Amino acid sequence: MTSHQLADELKRIATTQVSDITRAVKEGQKSIALNEVRDMARRLGLLADAFDPESAAEKAETVDGAQAA
């Protein structure tokens, strides 16, 4: 993925999610706004993992180890 493609994807995620969050806030739908924030964080995390798969593998090992304890 080139830096231009990464920038385009970040803009797309931010634009879409911020629009949804703004709409939910204006409509007084706090839970929907919070869900949109969580969704944005999830999407950004997936993008980061795709960009750095080694880091994603390390996170998965840490989570798996914590669940086994």
N, C-alpha and C. Protein backbone atom coordinates (compact mmCIF):
# COMPACT_ATOMS: atom_id res chain seq x y z
N MET A 1 0.85 -1.17 0.00
CA MET A 1 0.00 0.00 0.00
C MET A 1 0.90 1.23 0.00
N THR A 2 0.64 2.12 -0.92
CA THR A 2 1.45 3.34 -1.00
C THR A 2 0.96 4.35 0.03
N SER A 3 1.78 5.34 0.28
CA SER A 3 1.38 6.38 1.24
C SER A 3 0.15 7.14 0.73
N HIS A 4 0.03 7.28 -0.59
CA HIS A 4 -1.15 7.94 -1.16
C HIS A 4 -2.41 7.12 -0.91
N GLN A 5 -2.31 5.80 -1.10
CA GLN A 5 -3.46 4.92 -0.85
C GLN A 5 -3.84 4.93 0.62
N LEU A 6 -2.84 4.93 1.50
CA LEU A 6 -3.10 4.98 2.94
C LEU A 6 -3.80 6.28 3.31
N ALA A 7 -3.31 7.38 2.77
CA ALA A 7 -3.93 8.68 3.05
C ALA A 7 -5.38 8.71 2.56
N ASP A 8 -5.64 8.17 1.37
CA ASP A 8 -7.00 8.12 0.84
C ASP A 8 -7.92 7.29 1.73
N GLU A 9 -7.42 6.16 2.20
CA GLU A 9 -8.23 5.30 3.06
C GLU A 9 -8.51 5.95 4.41
N LEU A 10 -7.51 6.61 4.98
CA LEU A 10 -7.71 7.33 6.24
C LEU A 10 -8.75 8.44 6.07
N LYS A 11 -8.67 9.18 4.97
CA LYS A 11 -9.66 10.23 4.71
C LYS A 11 -11.06 9.65 4.57
N ARG A 12 -11.16 8.52 3.87
CA ARG A 12 -12.46 7.90 3.67
C ARG A 12 -13.07 7.44 4.99
N ILE A 13 -12.27 6.78 5.81
CA ILE A 13 -12.76 6.32 7.11
C ILE A 13 -13.18 7.51 7.96
N ALA A 14 -12.31 8.50 8.05
CA ALA A 14 -12.60 9.67 8.89
C ALA A 14 -13.84 10.41 8.41
N THR A 15 -13.95 10.65 7.13
CA THR A 15 -15.08 11.39 6.59
C THR A 15 -16.39 10.66 6.86
N THR A 16 -16.42 9.38 6.57
CA THR A 16 -17.64 8.60 6.76
C THR A 16 -18.03 8.52 8.22
N GLN A 17 -17.08 8.16 9.06
CA GLN A 17 -17.40 7.98 10.47
C GLN A 17 -17.75 9.28 11.17
N VAL A 18 -17.01 10.34 10.89
CA VAL A 18 -17.29 11.63 11.53
C VAL A 18 -18.67 12.13 11.11
N SER A 19 -19.03 11.91 9.86
CA SER A 19 -20.36 12.28 9.38
C SER A 19 -21.43 11.52 10.15
N ASP A 20 -21.24 10.22 10.33
CA ASP A 20 -22.21 9.41 11.07
C ASP A 20 -22.29 9.83 12.54
N ILE A 21 -21.14 10.12 13.14
CA ILE A 21 -21.10 10.56 14.54
C ILE A 21 -21.83 11.89 14.69
N THR A 22 -21.55 12.83 13.79
CA THR A 22 -22.18 14.15 13.84
C THR A 22 -23.69 14.02 13.72
N ARG A 23 -24.14 13.21 12.78
CA ARG A 23 -25.57 13.00 12.59
C ARG A 23 -26.21 12.44 13.85
N ALA A 24 -25.59 11.43 14.46
CA ALA A 24 -26.14 10.81 15.66
C ALA A 24 -26.20 11.80 16.82
N VAL A 25 -25.16 12.62 16.96
CA VAL A 25 -25.13 13.61 18.04
C VAL A 25 -26.24 14.64 17.84
N LYS A 26 -26.40 15.12 16.61
CA LYS A 26 -27.44 16.10 16.32
C LYS A 26 -28.83 15.55 16.60
N GLU A 27 -28.99 14.23 16.39
CA GLU A 27 -30.28 13.59 16.64
C GLU A 27 -30.44 13.15 18.09
N GLY A 28 -29.44 13.41 18.91
CA GLY A 28 -29.50 13.06 20.33
C GLY A 28 -29.37 11.57 20.60
N GLN A 29 -28.75 10.85 19.70
CA GLN A 29 -28.61 9.40 19.84
C GLN A 29 -27.20 9.07 20.33
N LYS A 30 -27.03 9.21 21.63
CA LYS A 30 -25.72 9.03 22.24
C LYS A 30 -25.16 7.63 22.00
N SER A 31 -25.97 6.61 22.16
CA SER A 31 -25.46 5.24 22.01
C SER A 31 -25.01 4.97 20.57
N ILE A 32 -25.73 5.52 19.59
CA ILE A 32 -25.31 5.34 18.20
C ILE A 32 -24.00 6.08 17.95
N ALA A 33 -23.86 7.28 18.49
CA ALA A 33 -22.62 8.04 18.33
C ALA A 33 -21.45 7.27 18.94
N LEU A 34 -21.64 6.70 20.11
CA LEU A 34 -20.57 5.92 20.74
C LEU A 34 -20.24 4.68 19.93
N ASN A 35 -21.25 4.04 19.37
CA ASN A 35 -21.01 2.88 18.51
C ASN A 35 -20.21 3.27 17.27
N GLU A 36 -20.49 4.44 16.73
CA GLU A 36 -19.76 4.92 15.56
C GLU A 36 -18.30 5.20 15.92
N VAL A 37 -18.06 5.73 17.11
CA VAL A 37 -16.69 5.97 17.57
C VAL A 37 -15.96 4.63 17.69
N ARG A 38 -16.62 3.65 18.28
CA ARG A 38 -16.02 2.32 18.41
C ARG A 38 -15.73 1.71 17.04
N ASP A 39 -16.67 1.90 16.11
CA ASP A 39 -16.49 1.36 14.76
C ASP A 39 -15.30 2.02 14.07
N MET A 40 -15.16 3.34 14.26
CA MET A 40 -14.03 4.04 13.66
C MET A 40 -12.72 3.51 14.24
N ALA A 41 -12.68 3.31 15.54
CA ALA A 41 -11.47 2.78 16.17
C ALA A 41 -11.16 1.38 15.65
N ARG A 42 -12.18 0.56 15.46
CA ARG A 42 -11.99 -0.79 14.93
C ARG A 42 -11.43 -0.74 13.51
N ARG A 43 -12.03 0.13 12.67
CA ARG A 43 -11.57 0.24 11.28
C ARG A 43 -10.13 0.74 11.20
N LEU A 44 -9.80 1.72 12.03
CA LEU A 44 -8.43 2.23 12.03
C LEU A 44 -7.46 1.16 12.54
N GLY A 45 -7.90 0.38 13.51
CA GLY A 45 -7.06 -0.72 14.01
C GLY A 45 -6.82 -1.77 12.94
N LEU A 46 -7.86 -2.11 12.19
CA LEU A 46 -7.71 -3.08 11.10
C LEU A 46 -6.76 -2.56 10.03
N LEU A 47 -6.89 -1.27 9.72
CA LEU A 47 -6.01 -0.66 8.74
C LEU A 47 -4.56 -0.69 9.24
N ALA A 48 -4.37 -0.37 10.49
CA ALA A 48 -3.02 -0.40 11.07
C ALA A 48 -2.46 -1.82 11.04
N ASP A 49 -3.30 -2.81 11.36
CA ASP A 49 -2.85 -4.19 11.33
C ASP A 49 -2.49 -4.63 9.92
N ALA A 50 -3.25 -4.18 8.93
CA ALA A 50 -2.96 -4.52 7.54
C ALA A 50 -1.64 -3.89 7.10
N PHE A 51 -1.36 -2.72 7.64
CA PHE A 51 -0.16 -2.00 7.29
C PHE A 51 1.08 -2.58 7.99
N ASP A 52 0.87 -3.16 9.19
CA ASP A 52 1.97 -3.74 9.97
C ASP A 52 1.53 -5.09 10.53
N PRO A 53 1.51 -6.14 9.69
CA PRO A 53 1.00 -7.45 10.13
C PRO A 53 1.78 -8.07 11.28
N GLU A 54 3.06 -7.77 11.41
CA GLU A 54 3.84 -8.33 12.52
C GLU A 54 3.32 -7.82 13.85
N SER A 55 2.97 -6.55 13.92
CA SER A 55 2.42 -5.98 15.14
C SER A 55 1.08 -6.63 15.48
N ALA A 56 0.27 -6.90 14.47
CA ALA A 56 -1.04 -7.54 14.68
C ALA A 56 -0.85 -8.94 15.26
N ALA A 57 0.15 -9.67 14.77
CA ALA A 57 0.41 -11.02 15.28
C ALA A 57 0.84 -10.97 16.75
N GLU A 58 1.65 -9.99 17.10
CA GLU A 58 2.08 -9.83 18.50
C GLU A 58 0.90 -9.52 19.40
N LYS A 59 -0.01 -8.65 18.94
CA LYS A 59 -1.20 -8.33 19.72
C LYS A 59 -2.07 -9.56 19.93
N ALA A 60 -2.23 -10.37 18.90
CA ALA A 60 -3.05 -11.58 18.99
C ALA A 60 -2.46 -12.56 20.01
N GLU A 61 -1.15 -12.70 20.02
CA GLU A 61 -0.50 -13.57 20.99
C GLU A 61 -0.72 -13.07 22.40
N THR A 62 -0.64 -11.77 22.60
CA THR A 62 -0.84 -11.18 23.93
C THR A 62 -2.28 -11.41 24.40
N VAL A 63 -3.24 -11.21 23.53
CA VAL A 63 -4.65 -11.40 23.87
C VAL A 63 -4.91 -12.87 24.17
N ASP A 64 -4.40 -13.77 23.35
CA ASP A 64 -4.60 -15.20 23.56
C ASP A 64 -3.99 -15.64 24.90
N GLY A 65 -2.83 -15.13 25.23
CA GLY A 65 -2.19 -15.46 26.49
C GLY A 65 -2.97 -14.93 27.68
N ALA A 66 -3.54 -13.76 27.56
CA ALA A 66 -4.32 -13.17 28.65
C ALA A 66 -5.62 -13.94 28.86
N GLN A 67 -6.22 -14.44 27.78
CA GLN A 67 -7.48 -15.19 27.89
C GLN A 67 -7.25 -16.56 28.53
N ALA A 68 -6.08 -17.14 28.29
CA ALA A 68 -5.79 -18.46 28.84
C ALA A 68 -5.54 -18.42 30.33
N ALA A 69 -5.11 -17.28 30.85
CA ALA A 69 -4.78 -17.14 32.27
C ALA A 69 -5.99 -17.12 33.15
